[in-house]
Amino acid sequence: MEQLTYLGLLAGCLLVTAPLELFLGVRVYARWRRLLLAVVPEFVVFVVWVLYAIAQGHWDYSATRTLGVRLPGGIPVEEVLFFLVVPLCSVLALEAVRKVTGWDAGYPAEEAERR
C-alpha cells in the first residue's frame, strides 16, 4: 500500500481542486491553450532538471513509496505526473481566487474571457 503514497498525494490534489472548475466555473480546462502555456515550460525545465539530478546521483526516489515504474533516465512516472498535476492545481487555485475576489492578477477578466 505504501507504493501508492506519491500517486495518492497527486490524486488528492486533483480531488481537492476539481470542484473549483465545476462549482466556481473558473474555465481552466476550457482555456486549454492558456493552460498549456502555463504548464509546458515548467514541465520541460523541471523534467530536464530532475533527469540531470538523477544522472549525477544527487536525486533518488523511494522504491517503497512509488509504483516502481521508471521512465527513460530513471524518472518515476509519479514525478512526471507531479510536474503536470501540481501546476494544474495551482492554476485552478489562482483562477478560483481571481473569480471570488475579482483580482485581475495582472490581466483584466474581459481579456481572459476572450481567449
N, C-alpha and C. Protein backbone atom coordinates (compact mmCIF):
# COMPACT_ATOMS: atom_id res chain seq x y z
N MET A 1 0.81 -1.20 0.00
CA MET A 1 0.00 0.00 0.00
C MET A 1 0.86 1.26 0.00
N GLU A 2 2.03 1.16 0.60
CA GLU A 2 2.93 2.32 0.63
C GLU A 2 3.32 2.77 -0.77
N GLN A 3 3.28 1.85 -1.72
CA GLN A 3 3.66 2.18 -3.10
C GLN A 3 2.72 3.21 -3.72
N LEU A 4 1.56 3.39 -3.15
CA LEU A 4 0.59 4.34 -3.69
C LEU A 4 0.68 5.72 -3.03
N THR A 5 1.65 5.94 -2.15
CA THR A 5 1.76 7.19 -1.41
C THR A 5 1.87 8.40 -2.33
N TYR A 6 2.83 8.39 -3.23
CA TYR A 6 3.06 9.53 -4.12
C TYR A 6 1.85 9.74 -5.05
N LEU A 7 1.38 8.66 -5.63
CA LEU A 7 0.22 8.71 -6.53
C LEU A 7 -1.02 9.19 -5.77
N GLY A 8 -1.17 8.75 -4.54
CA GLY A 8 -2.30 9.18 -3.72
C GLY A 8 -2.26 10.67 -3.43
N LEU A 9 -1.08 11.20 -3.20
CA LEU A 9 -0.93 12.63 -2.97
C LEU A 9 -1.37 13.42 -4.20
N LEU A 10 -0.96 12.97 -5.36
CA LEU A 10 -1.34 13.64 -6.61
C LEU A 10 -2.86 13.55 -6.83
N ALA A 11 -3.42 12.38 -6.58
CA ALA A 11 -4.87 12.22 -6.73
C ALA A 11 -5.61 13.13 -5.75
N GLY A 12 -5.09 13.26 -4.55
CA GLY A 12 -5.69 14.15 -3.56
C GLY A 12 -5.68 15.60 -4.01
N CYS A 13 -4.59 16.03 -4.60
CA CYS A 13 -4.50 17.40 -5.12
C CYS A 13 -5.56 17.64 -6.19
N LEU A 14 -5.72 16.69 -7.08
CA LEU A 14 -6.74 16.82 -8.13
C LEU A 14 -8.14 16.79 -7.55
N LEU A 15 -8.36 15.93 -6.59
CA LEU A 15 -9.68 15.81 -5.97
C LEU A 15 -10.09 17.10 -5.24
N VAL A 16 -9.13 17.73 -4.59
CA VAL A 16 -9.43 18.95 -3.85
C VAL A 16 -9.68 20.13 -4.77
N THR A 17 -8.98 20.19 -5.89
CA THR A 17 -9.13 21.35 -6.78
C THR A 17 -10.18 21.16 -7.87
N ALA A 18 -10.62 19.95 -8.15
CA ALA A 18 -11.63 19.71 -9.19
C ALA A 18 -12.91 20.51 -8.96
N PRO A 19 -13.39 20.63 -7.73
CA PRO A 19 -14.61 21.42 -7.52
C PRO A 19 -14.46 22.89 -7.92
N LEU A 20 -13.25 23.41 -7.94
CA LEU A 20 -13.06 24.80 -8.34
C LEU A 20 -13.49 25.01 -9.78
N GLU A 21 -13.21 24.04 -10.61
CA GLU A 21 -13.63 24.12 -12.02
C GLU A 21 -15.14 23.91 -12.14
N LEU A 22 -15.63 22.95 -11.41
CA LEU A 22 -17.04 22.58 -11.53
C LEU A 22 -17.99 23.59 -10.90
N PHE A 23 -17.70 24.01 -9.69
CA PHE A 23 -18.65 24.84 -8.95
C PHE A 23 -18.41 26.35 -9.10
N LEU A 24 -17.16 26.74 -9.29
CA LEU A 24 -16.89 28.17 -9.47
C LEU A 24 -16.83 28.57 -10.94
N GLY A 25 -16.74 27.59 -11.81
CA GLY A 25 -16.70 27.87 -13.24
C GLY A 25 -15.50 28.70 -13.65
N VAL A 26 -14.32 28.32 -13.17
CA VAL A 26 -13.11 29.10 -13.47
C VAL A 26 -12.61 28.92 -14.91
N ARG A 27 -13.12 27.93 -15.61
CA ARG A 27 -12.84 27.70 -17.03
C ARG A 27 -11.36 27.46 -17.35
N VAL A 28 -10.66 26.81 -16.47
CA VAL A 28 -9.25 26.49 -16.73
C VAL A 28 -9.14 25.48 -17.86
N TYR A 29 -9.96 24.45 -17.83
CA TYR A 29 -9.91 23.43 -18.88
C TYR A 29 -10.44 23.95 -20.21
N ALA A 30 -11.38 24.86 -20.16
CA ALA A 30 -11.93 25.44 -21.39
C ALA A 30 -10.89 26.30 -22.11
N ARG A 31 -9.98 26.88 -21.35
CA ARG A 31 -8.91 27.70 -21.94
C ARG A 31 -7.63 26.87 -21.97
N TRP A 32 -7.68 25.75 -22.66
CA TRP A 32 -6.60 24.78 -22.63
C TRP A 32 -5.30 25.30 -23.23
N ARG A 33 -5.38 26.18 -24.23
CA ARG A 33 -4.14 26.73 -24.81
C ARG A 33 -3.38 27.53 -23.76
N ARG A 34 -4.13 28.31 -23.04
CA ARG A 34 -3.54 29.12 -21.99
C ARG A 34 -2.95 28.24 -20.88
N LEU A 35 -3.66 27.17 -20.54
CA LEU A 35 -3.15 26.23 -19.55
C LEU A 35 -1.85 25.60 -20.02
N LEU A 36 -1.79 25.21 -21.27
CA LEU A 36 -0.56 24.64 -21.82
C LEU A 36 0.60 25.63 -21.77
N LEU A 37 0.31 26.90 -22.06
CA LEU A 37 1.36 27.92 -21.99
C LEU A 37 1.90 28.09 -20.57
N ALA A 38 1.06 27.83 -19.59
CA ALA A 38 1.48 27.93 -18.20
C ALA A 38 2.25 26.69 -17.74
N VAL A 39 1.85 25.52 -18.23
CA VAL A 39 2.39 24.27 -17.71
C VAL A 39 3.58 23.73 -18.50
N VAL A 40 3.56 23.81 -19.81
CA VAL A 40 4.59 23.16 -20.63
C VAL A 40 6.01 23.68 -20.34
N PRO A 41 6.24 25.00 -20.28
CA PRO A 41 7.62 25.44 -19.99
C PRO A 41 8.13 24.94 -18.64
N GLU A 42 7.30 25.00 -17.63
CA GLU A 42 7.68 24.49 -16.31
C GLU A 42 7.96 23.00 -16.38
N PHE A 43 7.10 22.27 -17.07
CA PHE A 43 7.25 20.82 -17.19
C PHE A 43 8.60 20.46 -17.82
N VAL A 44 8.91 21.09 -18.92
CA VAL A 44 10.16 20.80 -19.63
C VAL A 44 11.37 21.11 -18.76
N VAL A 45 11.39 22.29 -18.16
CA VAL A 45 12.54 22.70 -17.34
C VAL A 45 12.74 21.74 -16.17
N PHE A 46 11.68 21.42 -15.46
CA PHE A 46 11.85 20.59 -14.27
C PHE A 46 12.11 19.13 -14.58
N VAL A 47 11.55 18.60 -15.65
CA VAL A 47 11.86 17.22 -16.02
C VAL A 47 13.33 17.11 -16.42
N VAL A 48 13.81 18.06 -17.18
CA VAL A 48 15.24 18.05 -17.57
C VAL A 48 16.11 18.17 -16.32
N TRP A 49 15.73 19.07 -15.42
CA TRP A 49 16.50 19.26 -14.19
C TRP A 49 16.54 17.97 -13.36
N VAL A 50 15.41 17.31 -13.20
CA VAL A 50 15.36 16.08 -12.41
C VAL A 50 16.15 14.97 -13.10
N LEU A 51 16.04 14.87 -14.42
CA LEU A 51 16.83 13.86 -15.13
C LEU A 51 18.33 14.09 -14.93
N TYR A 52 18.74 15.34 -14.96
CA TYR A 52 20.15 15.67 -14.71
C TYR A 52 20.54 15.29 -13.28
N ALA A 53 19.70 15.63 -12.32
CA ALA A 53 19.99 15.33 -10.91
C ALA A 53 20.07 13.82 -10.68
N ILE A 54 19.19 13.07 -11.32
CA ILE A 54 19.23 11.60 -11.20
C ILE A 54 20.53 11.07 -11.81
N ALA A 55 20.87 11.56 -13.00
CA ALA A 55 22.09 11.10 -13.68
C ALA A 55 23.35 11.40 -12.88
N GLN A 56 23.34 12.50 -12.14
CA GLN A 56 24.51 12.89 -11.34
C GLN A 56 24.53 12.21 -9.97
N GLY A 57 23.46 11.48 -9.65
CA GLY A 57 23.38 10.80 -8.36
C GLY A 57 22.97 11.72 -7.22
N HIS A 58 22.45 12.89 -7.53
CA HIS A 58 22.03 13.84 -6.50
C HIS A 58 20.59 13.60 -6.05
N TRP A 59 19.83 12.85 -6.82
CA TRP A 59 18.40 12.72 -6.58
C TRP A 59 18.02 11.27 -6.68
N ASP A 60 17.13 10.84 -5.81
CA ASP A 60 16.67 9.47 -5.85
C ASP A 60 15.23 9.43 -5.32
N TYR A 61 14.52 8.36 -5.58
CA TYR A 61 13.14 8.22 -5.17
C TYR A 61 12.95 6.92 -4.43
N SER A 62 12.10 6.95 -3.43
CA SER A 62 11.83 5.78 -2.61
C SER A 62 11.11 4.71 -3.42
N ALA A 63 11.69 3.53 -3.44
CA ALA A 63 11.06 2.41 -4.15
C ALA A 63 9.83 1.91 -3.39
N THR A 64 9.77 2.19 -2.08
CA THR A 64 8.63 1.73 -1.29
C THR A 64 7.43 2.67 -1.39
N ARG A 65 7.65 3.92 -1.83
CA ARG A 65 6.54 4.88 -1.90
C ARG A 65 6.17 5.26 -3.33
N THR A 66 6.75 4.58 -4.28
CA THR A 66 6.40 4.79 -5.69
C THR A 66 6.04 3.43 -6.29
N LEU A 67 5.41 3.48 -7.45
CA LEU A 67 4.98 2.24 -8.11
C LEU A 67 6.13 1.41 -8.63
N GLY A 68 7.29 2.03 -8.80
CA GLY A 68 8.44 1.32 -9.33
C GLY A 68 8.54 1.40 -10.85
N VAL A 69 7.63 2.13 -11.47
CA VAL A 69 7.67 2.31 -12.93
C VAL A 69 8.57 3.49 -13.22
N ARG A 70 9.68 3.21 -13.87
CA ARG A 70 10.65 4.27 -14.20
C ARG A 70 10.64 4.50 -15.70
N LEU A 71 10.64 5.76 -16.06
CA LEU A 71 10.71 6.16 -17.47
C LEU A 71 12.17 6.30 -17.86
N PRO A 72 12.46 6.50 -19.14
CA PRO A 72 13.85 6.67 -19.54
C PRO A 72 14.54 7.75 -18.71
N GLY A 73 15.76 7.45 -18.30
CA GLY A 73 16.52 8.35 -17.45
C GLY A 73 16.34 8.05 -15.98
N GLY A 74 15.45 7.10 -15.67
CA GLY A 74 15.24 6.69 -14.28
C GLY A 74 14.22 7.50 -13.51
N ILE A 75 13.49 8.37 -14.19
CA ILE A 75 12.50 9.21 -13.51
C ILE A 75 11.21 8.41 -13.28
N PRO A 76 10.72 8.39 -12.05
CA PRO A 76 9.47 7.67 -11.78
C PRO A 76 8.29 8.33 -12.48
N VAL A 77 7.34 7.54 -12.88
CA VAL A 77 6.15 8.06 -13.56
C VAL A 77 5.43 9.07 -12.67
N GLU A 78 5.45 8.85 -11.35
CA GLU A 78 4.80 9.79 -10.43
C GLU A 78 5.43 11.17 -10.48
N GLU A 79 6.73 11.23 -10.67
CA GLU A 79 7.42 12.53 -10.72
C GLU A 79 7.03 13.30 -11.97
N VAL A 80 6.88 12.61 -13.07
CA VAL A 80 6.42 13.25 -14.30
C VAL A 80 5.00 13.77 -14.11
N LEU A 81 4.16 12.96 -13.49
CA LEU A 81 2.79 13.40 -13.20
C LEU A 81 2.77 14.59 -12.24
N PHE A 82 3.70 14.61 -11.29
CA PHE A 82 3.80 15.72 -10.34
C PHE A 82 3.97 17.04 -11.08
N PHE A 83 4.81 17.05 -12.10
CA PHE A 83 5.08 18.29 -12.84
C PHE A 83 3.92 18.69 -13.76
N LEU A 84 2.91 17.86 -13.85
CA LEU A 84 1.68 18.22 -14.55
C LEU A 84 0.56 18.57 -13.56
N VAL A 85 0.42 17.75 -12.53
CA VAL A 85 -0.69 17.89 -11.59
C VAL A 85 -0.55 19.14 -10.72
N VAL A 86 0.61 19.36 -10.14
CA VAL A 86 0.77 20.50 -9.22
C VAL A 86 0.57 21.84 -9.93
N PRO A 87 1.15 22.06 -11.10
CA PRO A 87 0.86 23.32 -11.79
C PRO A 87 -0.62 23.45 -12.17
N LEU A 88 -1.24 22.38 -12.60
CA LEU A 88 -2.67 22.41 -12.91
C LEU A 88 -3.47 22.84 -11.69
N CYS A 89 -3.19 22.23 -10.56
CA CYS A 89 -3.90 22.58 -9.32
C CYS A 89 -3.61 24.03 -8.92
N SER A 90 -2.40 24.49 -9.16
CA SER A 90 -2.05 25.88 -8.85
C SER A 90 -2.82 26.85 -9.72
N VAL A 91 -2.92 26.54 -11.00
CA VAL A 91 -3.68 27.41 -11.91
C VAL A 91 -5.16 27.41 -11.52
N LEU A 92 -5.70 26.26 -11.17
CA LEU A 92 -7.09 26.19 -10.72
C LEU A 92 -7.29 27.06 -9.47
N ALA A 93 -6.36 26.98 -8.53
CA ALA A 93 -6.47 27.77 -7.31
C ALA A 93 -6.36 29.26 -7.61
N LEU A 94 -5.42 29.64 -8.46
CA LEU A 94 -5.26 31.05 -8.84
C LEU A 94 -6.52 31.58 -9.50
N GLU A 95 -7.07 30.83 -10.43
CA GLU A 95 -8.28 31.28 -11.12
C GLU A 95 -9.48 31.33 -10.19
N ALA A 96 -9.52 30.45 -9.20
CA ALA A 96 -10.60 30.49 -8.21
C ALA A 96 -10.49 31.76 -7.36
N VAL A 97 -9.29 32.12 -6.97
CA VAL A 97 -9.08 33.35 -6.20
C VAL A 97 -9.49 34.55 -7.04
N ARG A 98 -9.09 34.56 -8.30
CA ARG A 98 -9.48 35.66 -9.21
C ARG A 98 -11.00 35.77 -9.30
N LYS A 99 -11.65 34.63 -9.45
CA LYS A 99 -13.10 34.63 -9.62
C LYS A 99 -13.82 35.14 -8.36
N VAL A 100 -13.38 34.67 -7.20
CA VAL A 100 -14.06 35.01 -5.96
C VAL A 100 -13.77 36.44 -5.51
N THR A 101 -12.52 36.90 -5.69
CA THR A 101 -12.13 38.22 -5.18
C THR A 101 -12.23 39.33 -6.21
N GLY A 102 -12.25 38.95 -7.50
CA GLY A 102 -12.24 39.97 -8.55
C GLY A 102 -10.85 40.48 -8.87
N TRP A 103 -9.84 39.89 -8.28
CA TRP A 103 -8.44 40.27 -8.53
C TRP A 103 -8.09 39.99 -9.98
N ASP A 104 -7.44 40.94 -10.64
CA ASP A 104 -7.14 40.75 -12.05
C ASP A 104 -5.82 40.02 -12.30
N ALA A 105 -4.99 39.84 -11.31
CA ALA A 105 -3.73 39.10 -11.42
C ALA A 105 -2.87 39.57 -12.59
N GLY A 106 -3.02 40.83 -12.94
CA GLY A 106 -2.18 41.39 -14.00
C GLY A 106 -2.82 41.43 -15.36
N TYR A 107 -4.02 40.89 -15.49
CA TYR A 107 -4.73 40.97 -16.76
C TYR A 107 -6.22 41.08 -16.47
N PRO A 108 -6.91 41.92 -17.23
CA PRO A 108 -8.34 42.11 -17.00
C PRO A 108 -9.15 40.85 -17.27
N ALA A 109 -10.22 40.68 -16.53
CA ALA A 109 -11.07 39.50 -16.69
C ALA A 109 -11.65 39.40 -18.10
N GLU A 110 -12.00 40.55 -18.68
CA GLU A 110 -12.57 40.51 -20.04
C GLU A 110 -11.57 39.94 -21.04
N GLU A 111 -10.29 40.28 -20.86
CA GLU A 111 -9.26 39.76 -21.75
C GLU A 111 -9.15 38.25 -21.60
N ALA A 112 -9.23 37.76 -20.38
CA ALA A 112 -9.15 36.32 -20.13
C ALA A 112 -10.34 35.60 -20.75
N GLU A 113 -11.50 36.21 -20.71
CA GLU A 113 -12.71 35.58 -21.25
C GLU A 113 -12.67 35.49 -22.78
N ARG A 114 -12.03 36.44 -23.44
CA ARG A 114 -11.97 36.43 -24.92
C ARG A 114 -11.12 35.29 -25.44
N ARG A 115 -10.18 34.83 -24.68
CA ARG A 115 -9.24 33.81 -25.15
C ARG A 115 -9.76 32.43 -25.03
